[in-house]
Amino acid sequence: MQKKTLFISRLSLLIALTLIIQLAGFPQPVTGPLVNAMLLITTAMLGIVSGIILGCMTPLVAVLRGELPPVLAPMIPFIIAGNILLAAAFGLIKNNASFSAQRLLNPVRRIGLYLAIVVAAIVKYLFLSFSVRLILPLILAHDISDTFIFMMTTPQLVTALIGGALALMIYEILYRAELIR
């Protein structure tokens, strides 16, 4: 029972921290990487399902807070799916690369973790690009503006990659402080 309590406590803390980040009112170029970092940290610490849970919540909070413009509301299911893909791809590659917290401090062994971050960011980017260019126009039955398309493509890749770099740094700090093993 103690393991389950620790897991729930950690997940609750990571969700709360993410909500604080989203509610703090930072501009999107700050909030986006921080939220992606939290998705990756949650996945690294607690597993893919935990990352998915958090990834489903963040776009909804962004809309409620007004961080996501109302014009982007039709993208919410796709953003949720992109976050799910980010967490799943990262978790699967990280797990298959035999990554462990003990290996984090060895620069040569970080390659699997770097690969997991880059591939997960690219998977999210490709999915969102495909969704905004091909699926959303079919659903809405009209063309999507170039500005809208841009908002859901390149910035998403950049924020996921920056978030991955932040996640790696934060995870290492937590490991060195002996808060995780």
C-alpha atoms as a PDB file:
ATOM      1  CA  MET A   1       0.000   0.000   0.000  1.00  0.00           C
ATOM      2  CA  GLN A   2       2.876   2.362   0.711  1.00  0.00           C
ATOM      3  CA  LYS A   3       4.080   2.151  -2.940  1.00  0.00           C
ATOM      4  CA  LYS A   4       0.604   3.010  -4.204  1.00  0.00           C
ATOM      5  CA  THR A   5       0.378   5.991  -1.838  1.00  0.00           C
ATOM      6  CA  LEU A   6       3.799   7.236  -2.956  1.00  0.00           C
ATOM      7  CA  PHE A   7       2.776   6.867  -6.615  1.00  0.00           C
ATOM      8  CA  ILE A   8      -0.500   8.775  -6.106  1.00  0.00           C
ATOM      9  CA  SER A   9       1.278  11.464  -4.094  1.00  0.00           C
ATOM     10  CA  ARG A  10       3.920  11.958  -6.777  1.00  0.00           C
ATOM     11  CA  LEU A  11       1.363  12.050  -9.585  1.00  0.00           C
ATOM     12  CA  SER A  12      -0.768  14.551  -7.648  1.00  0.00           C
ATOM     13  CA  LEU A  13       2.276  16.735  -7.013  1.00  0.00           C
ATOM     14  CA  LEU A  14       3.317  16.682 -10.692  1.00  0.00           C
ATOM     15  CA  ILE A  15      -0.237  17.505 -11.791  1.00  0.00           C
ATOM     16  CA  ALA A  16      -0.397  20.362  -9.266  1.00  0.00           C
ATOM     17  CA  LEU A  17       2.964  21.753 -10.421  1.00  0.00           C
ATOM     18  CA  THR A  18       1.823  21.618 -14.033  1.00  0.00           C
ATOM     19  CA  LEU A  19      -1.416  23.411 -13.185  1.00  0.00           C
ATOM     20  CA  ILE A  20       0.553  26.090 -11.331  1.00  0.00           C
ATOM     21  CA  ILE A  21       2.736  26.565 -14.417  1.00  0.00           C
ATOM     22  CA  GLN A  22      -0.334  26.886 -16.617  1.00  0.00           C
ATOM     23  CA  LEU A  23      -2.142  29.244 -14.255  1.00  0.00           C
ATOM     24  CA  ALA A  24       0.907  31.454 -13.608  1.00  0.00           C
ATOM     25  CA  GLY A  25       0.198  33.499 -16.724  1.00  0.00           C
ATOM     26  CA  PHE A  26       3.540  33.068 -18.473  1.00  0.00           C
ATOM     27  CA  PRO A  27       3.563  33.684 -22.236  1.00  0.00           C
ATOM     28  CA  GLN A  28       3.146  30.601 -24.435  1.00  0.00           C
ATOM     29  CA  PRO A  29       6.869  30.422 -25.345  1.00  0.00           C
ATOM     30  CA  VAL A  30       7.520  29.864 -21.636  1.00  0.00           C
ATOM     31  CA  THR A  31       4.459  27.812 -20.715  1.00  0.00           C
ATOM     32  CA  GLY A  32       4.733  25.416 -23.702  1.00  0.00           C
ATOM     33  CA  PRO A  33       8.239  24.122 -22.931  1.00  0.00           C
ATOM     34  CA  LEU A  34       7.494  23.928 -19.195  1.00  0.00           C
ATOM     35  CA  VAL A  35       4.328  21.896 -19.762  1.00  0.00           C
ATOM     36  CA  ASN A  36       6.146  19.584 -22.193  1.00  0.00           C
ATOM     37  CA  ALA A  37       8.913  19.190 -19.607  1.00  0.00           C
ATOM     38  CA  MET A  38       6.340  18.212 -16.991  1.00  0.00           C
ATOM     39  CA  LEU A  39       4.797  15.669 -19.383  1.00  0.00           C
ATOM     40  CA  LEU A  40       8.201  14.076 -19.947  1.00  0.00           C
ATOM     41  CA  ILE A  41       9.235  14.188 -16.277  1.00  0.00           C
ATOM     42  CA  THR A  42       5.928  12.603 -15.267  1.00  0.00           C
ATOM     43  CA  THR A  43       6.403   9.876 -17.866  1.00  0.00           C
ATOM     44  CA  ALA A  44      10.022   9.272 -16.809  1.00  0.00           C
ATOM     45  CA  MET A  45       9.200   9.114 -13.112  1.00  0.00           C
ATOM     46  CA  LEU A  46       5.819   7.399 -13.051  1.00  0.00           C
ATOM     47  CA  GLY A  47       5.307   5.746 -16.424  1.00  0.00           C
ATOM     48  CA  ILE A  48       3.489   6.246 -19.688  1.00  0.00           C
ATOM     49  CA  VAL A  49      -0.044   6.125 -18.251  1.00  0.00           C
ATOM     50  CA  SER A  50       0.770   8.955 -15.830  1.00  0.00           C
ATOM     51  CA  GLY A  51       2.180  11.044 -18.669  1.00  0.00           C
ATOM     52  CA  ILE A  52      -0.965  10.369 -20.678  1.00  0.00           C
ATOM     53  CA  ILE A  53      -3.199  11.432 -17.778  1.00  0.00           C
ATOM     54  CA  LEU A  54      -1.333  14.718 -17.495  1.00  0.00           C
ATOM     55  CA  GLY A  55      -1.255  15.155 -21.288  1.00  0.00           C
ATOM     56  CA  CYS A  56      -5.045  14.890 -21.444  1.00  0.00           C
ATOM     57  CA  MET A  57      -5.507  17.565 -18.780  1.00  0.00           C
ATOM     58  CA  THR A  58      -3.177  20.308 -20.014  1.00  0.00           C
ATOM     59  CA  PRO A  59      -5.032  21.370 -23.209  1.00  0.00           C
ATOM     60  CA  LEU A  60      -8.311  21.558 -21.299  1.00  0.00           C
ATOM     61  CA  VAL A  61      -6.723  23.795 -18.666  1.00  0.00           C
ATOM     62  CA  ALA A  62      -5.193  25.933 -21.433  1.00  0.00           C
ATOM     63  CA  VAL A  63      -8.631  26.519 -22.946  1.00  0.00           C
ATOM     64  CA  LEU A  64     -10.284  27.250 -19.596  1.00  0.00           C
ATOM     65  CA  ARG A  65      -7.532  29.693 -18.691  1.00  0.00           C
ATOM     66  CA  GLY A  66      -7.708  31.417 -22.072  1.00  0.00           C
ATOM     67  CA  GLU A  67      -4.137  30.493 -22.991  1.00  0.00           C
ATOM     68  CA  LEU A  68      -5.399  28.587 -25.989  1.00  0.00           C
ATOM     69  CA  PRO A  69      -7.300  31.013 -28.241  1.00  0.00           C
ATOM     70  CA  PRO A  70     -10.928  30.023 -28.906  1.00  0.00           C
ATOM     71  CA  VAL A  71     -10.106  29.674 -32.604  1.00  0.00           C
ATOM     72  CA  LEU A  72      -7.852  26.734 -31.642  1.00  0.00           C
ATOM     73  CA  ALA A  73     -10.642  24.932 -29.748  1.00  0.00           C
ATOM     74  CA  PRO A  74     -11.238  22.450 -32.623  1.00  0.00           C
ATOM     75  CA  MET A  75      -7.623  21.345 -32.156  1.00  0.00           C
ATOM     76  CA  ILE A  76      -8.104  20.264 -28.523  1.00  0.00           C
ATOM     77  CA  PRO A  77      -8.653  16.552 -29.304  1.00  0.00           C
ATOM     78  CA  PHE A  78      -5.611  16.626 -31.590  1.00  0.00           C
ATOM     79  CA  ILE A  79      -3.471  18.394 -28.986  1.00  0.00           C
ATOM     80  CA  ILE A  80      -4.526  15.779 -26.425  1.00  0.00           C
ATOM     81  CA  ALA A  81      -3.619  13.031 -28.903  1.00  0.00           C
ATOM     82  CA  GLY A  82      -0.290  14.771 -29.609  1.00  0.00           C
ATOM     83  CA  ASN A  83       0.478  14.824 -25.884  1.00  0.00           C
ATOM     84  CA  ILE A  84      -0.461  11.156 -25.614  1.00  0.00           C
ATOM     85  CA  LEU A  85       1.893  10.375 -28.505  1.00  0.00           C
ATOM     86  CA  LEU A  86       4.661  12.447 -26.878  1.00  0.00           C
ATOM     87  CA  ALA A  87       4.365  10.566 -23.575  1.00  0.00           C
ATOM     88  CA  ALA A  88       3.969   7.149 -25.215  1.00  0.00           C
ATOM     89  CA  ALA A  89       6.825   7.537 -27.691  1.00  0.00           C
ATOM     90  CA  PHE A  90       9.127   8.941 -25.021  1.00  0.00           C
ATOM     91  CA  GLY A  91       8.229   6.237 -22.512  1.00  0.00           C
ATOM     92  CA  LEU A  92       8.526   3.358 -24.962  1.00  0.00           C
ATOM     93  CA  ILE A  93      11.885   4.463 -26.355  1.00  0.00           C
ATOM     94  CA  LYS A  94      13.245   5.345 -22.914  1.00  0.00           C
ATOM     95  CA  ASN A  95      12.203   1.956 -21.550  1.00  0.00           C
ATOM     96  CA  ASN A  96      13.616   0.067 -24.531  1.00  0.00           C
ATOM     97  CA  ALA A  97      16.886   2.005 -24.365  1.00  0.00           C
ATOM     98  CA  SER A  98      17.463   0.441 -20.924  1.00  0.00           C
ATOM     99  CA  PHE A  99      17.613   3.881 -19.380  1.00  0.00           C
ATOM    100  CA  SER A 100      17.765   4.109 -15.623  1.00  0.00           C
ATOM    101  CA  ALA A 101      18.319   7.033 -13.297  1.00  0.00           C
ATOM    102  CA  GLN A 102      21.771   5.651 -12.452  1.00  0.00           C
ATOM    103  CA  ARG A 103      22.788   5.926 -16.096  1.00  0.00           C
ATOM    104  CA  LEU A 104      21.663   9.535 -16.351  1.00  0.00           C
ATOM    105  CA  LEU A 105      24.960  10.865 -15.040  1.00  0.00           C
ATOM    106  CA  ASN A 106      26.988   8.999 -17.687  1.00  0.00           C
ATOM    107  CA  PRO A 107      27.023  11.235 -20.826  1.00  0.00           C
ATOM    108  CA  VAL A 108      27.607   8.296 -23.174  1.00  0.00           C
ATOM    109  CA  ARG A 109      24.562   6.462 -21.843  1.00  0.00           C
ATOM    110  CA  ARG A 110      22.309   9.510 -22.239  1.00  0.00           C
ATOM    111  CA  ILE A 111      22.030   8.840 -25.969  1.00  0.00           C
ATOM    112  CA  GLY A 112      18.939   6.647 -25.500  1.00  0.00           C
ATOM    113  CA  LEU A 113      17.262   9.375 -23.489  1.00  0.00           C
ATOM    114  CA  TYR A 114      18.176  12.064 -26.035  1.00  0.00           C
ATOM    115  CA  LEU A 115      16.827   9.822 -28.783  1.00  0.00           C
ATOM    116  CA  ALA A 116      13.596   9.316 -26.831  1.00  0.00           C
ATOM    117  CA  ILE A 117      13.115  13.076 -26.438  1.00  0.00           C
ATOM    118  CA  VAL A 118      13.860  13.904 -30.086  1.00  0.00           C
ATOM    119  CA  VAL A 119      11.736  11.102 -31.543  1.00  0.00           C
ATOM    120  CA  ALA A 120       8.817  11.870 -29.206  1.00  0.00           C
ATOM    121  CA  ALA A 121       8.948  15.573 -30.159  1.00  0.00           C
ATOM    122  CA  ILE A 122       9.022  14.701 -33.860  1.00  0.00           C
ATOM    123  CA  VAL A 123       6.113  12.255 -33.495  1.00  0.00           C
ATOM    124  CA  LYS A 124       4.014  14.940 -31.777  1.00  0.00           C
ATOM    125  CA  TYR A 125       5.002  17.508 -34.421  1.00  0.00           C
ATOM    126  CA  LEU A 126       4.180  15.184 -37.337  1.00  0.00           C
ATOM    127  CA  PHE A 127       0.826  14.231 -35.843  1.00  0.00           C
ATOM    128  CA  LEU A 128      -0.200  17.842 -35.204  1.00  0.00           C
ATOM    129  CA  SER A 129       1.035  18.913 -38.653  1.00  0.00           C
ATOM    130  CA  PHE A 130      -0.956  16.135 -40.308  1.00  0.00           C
ATOM    131  CA  SER A 131      -4.040  16.942 -38.199  1.00  0.00           C
ATOM    132  CA  VAL A 132      -4.080  20.689 -38.853  1.00  0.00           C
ATOM    133  CA  ARG A 133      -3.301  20.373 -42.566  1.00  0.00           C
ATOM    134  CA  LEU A 134      -5.413  17.360 -43.538  1.00  0.00           C
ATOM    135  CA  ILE A 135      -7.917  16.249 -40.895  1.00  0.00           C
ATOM    136  CA  LEU A 136      -9.138  19.551 -39.437  1.00  0.00           C
ATOM    137  CA  PRO A 137     -10.029  21.081 -42.856  1.00  0.00           C
ATOM    138  CA  LEU A 138     -12.171  18.009 -43.557  1.00  0.00           C
ATOM    139  CA  ILE A 139     -13.925  18.248 -40.200  1.00  0.00           C
ATOM    140  CA  LEU A 140     -14.525  22.010 -40.421  1.00  0.00           C
ATOM    141  CA  ALA A 141     -15.268  21.867 -44.163  1.00  0.00           C
ATOM    142  CA  HIS A 142     -13.105  24.908 -44.907  1.00  0.00           C
ATOM    143  CA  ASP A 143      -9.471  25.852 -45.327  1.00  0.00           C
ATOM    144  CA  ILE A 144      -7.341  26.592 -42.293  1.00  0.00           C
ATOM    145  CA  SER A 145      -5.398  29.856 -42.172  1.00  0.00           C
ATOM    146  CA  ASP A 146      -1.635  29.779 -42.523  1.00  0.00           C
ATOM    147  CA  THR A 147      -1.286  31.433 -39.097  1.00  0.00           C
ATOM    148  CA  PHE A 148      -3.354  28.685 -37.488  1.00  0.00           C
ATOM    149  CA  ILE A 149      -1.333  26.004 -39.297  1.00  0.00           C
ATOM    150  CA  PHE A 150       1.923  27.601 -38.195  1.00  0.00           C
ATOM    151  CA  MET A 151       0.789  27.716 -34.534  1.00  0.00           C
ATOM    152  CA  MET A 152       0.204  23.957 -34.582  1.00  0.00           C
ATOM    153  CA  THR A 153       3.408  22.949 -36.372  1.00  0.00           C
ATOM    154  CA  THR A 154       6.906  24.374 -35.899  1.00  0.00           C
ATOM    155  CA  PRO A 155       6.312  25.980 -32.470  1.00  0.00           C
ATOM    156  CA  GLN A 156       5.039  22.612 -31.219  1.00  0.00           C
ATOM    157  CA  LEU A 157       8.262  20.908 -32.274  1.00  0.00           C
ATOM    158  CA  VAL A 158      10.395  23.636 -30.715  1.00  0.00           C
ATOM    159  CA  THR A 159       8.501  23.662 -27.408  1.00  0.00           C
ATOM    160  CA  ALA A 160       8.661  19.857 -27.177  1.00  0.00           C
ATOM    161  CA  LEU A 161      12.423  19.849 -27.791  1.00  0.00           C
ATOM    162  CA  ILE A 162      13.056  22.670 -25.308  1.00  0.00           C
ATOM    163  CA  GLY A 163      10.763  20.901 -22.835  1.00  0.00           C
ATOM    164  CA  GLY A 164      12.800  17.733 -23.327  1.00  0.00           C
ATOM    165  CA  ALA A 165      16.041  19.565 -22.553  1.00  0.00           C
ATOM    166  CA  LEU A 166      14.446  21.087 -19.437  1.00  0.00           C
ATOM    167  CA  ALA A 167      13.086  17.691 -18.366  1.00  0.00           C
ATOM    168  CA  LEU A 168      16.546  16.157 -18.647  1.00  0.00           C
ATOM    169  CA  MET A 169      18.063  18.914 -16.487  1.00  0.00           C
ATOM    170  CA  ILE A 170      15.293  18.745 -13.874  1.00  0.00           C
ATOM    171  CA  TYR A 171      15.399  14.956 -13.754  1.00  0.00           C
ATOM    172  CA  GLU A 172      19.152  15.071 -13.184  1.00  0.00           C
ATOM    173  CA  ILE A 173      18.738  17.627 -10.358  1.00  0.00           C
ATOM    174  CA  LEU A 174      16.108  15.417  -8.712  1.00  0.00           C
ATOM    175  CA  TYR A 175      18.391  12.400  -9.049  1.00  0.00           C
ATOM    176  CA  ARG A 176      21.411  14.195  -7.571  1.00  0.00           C
ATOM    177  CA  ALA A 177      19.248  15.441  -4.688  1.00  0.00           C
ATOM    178  CA  GLU A 178      18.265  11.784  -4.115  1.00  0.00           C
ATOM    179  CA  LEU A 179      14.588  12.585  -4.584  1.00  0.00           C
ATOM    180  CA  ILE A 180      14.265   9.861  -7.226  1.00  0.00           C
ATOM    181  CA  ARG A 181      16.051   6.590  -7.891  1.00  0.00           C
END
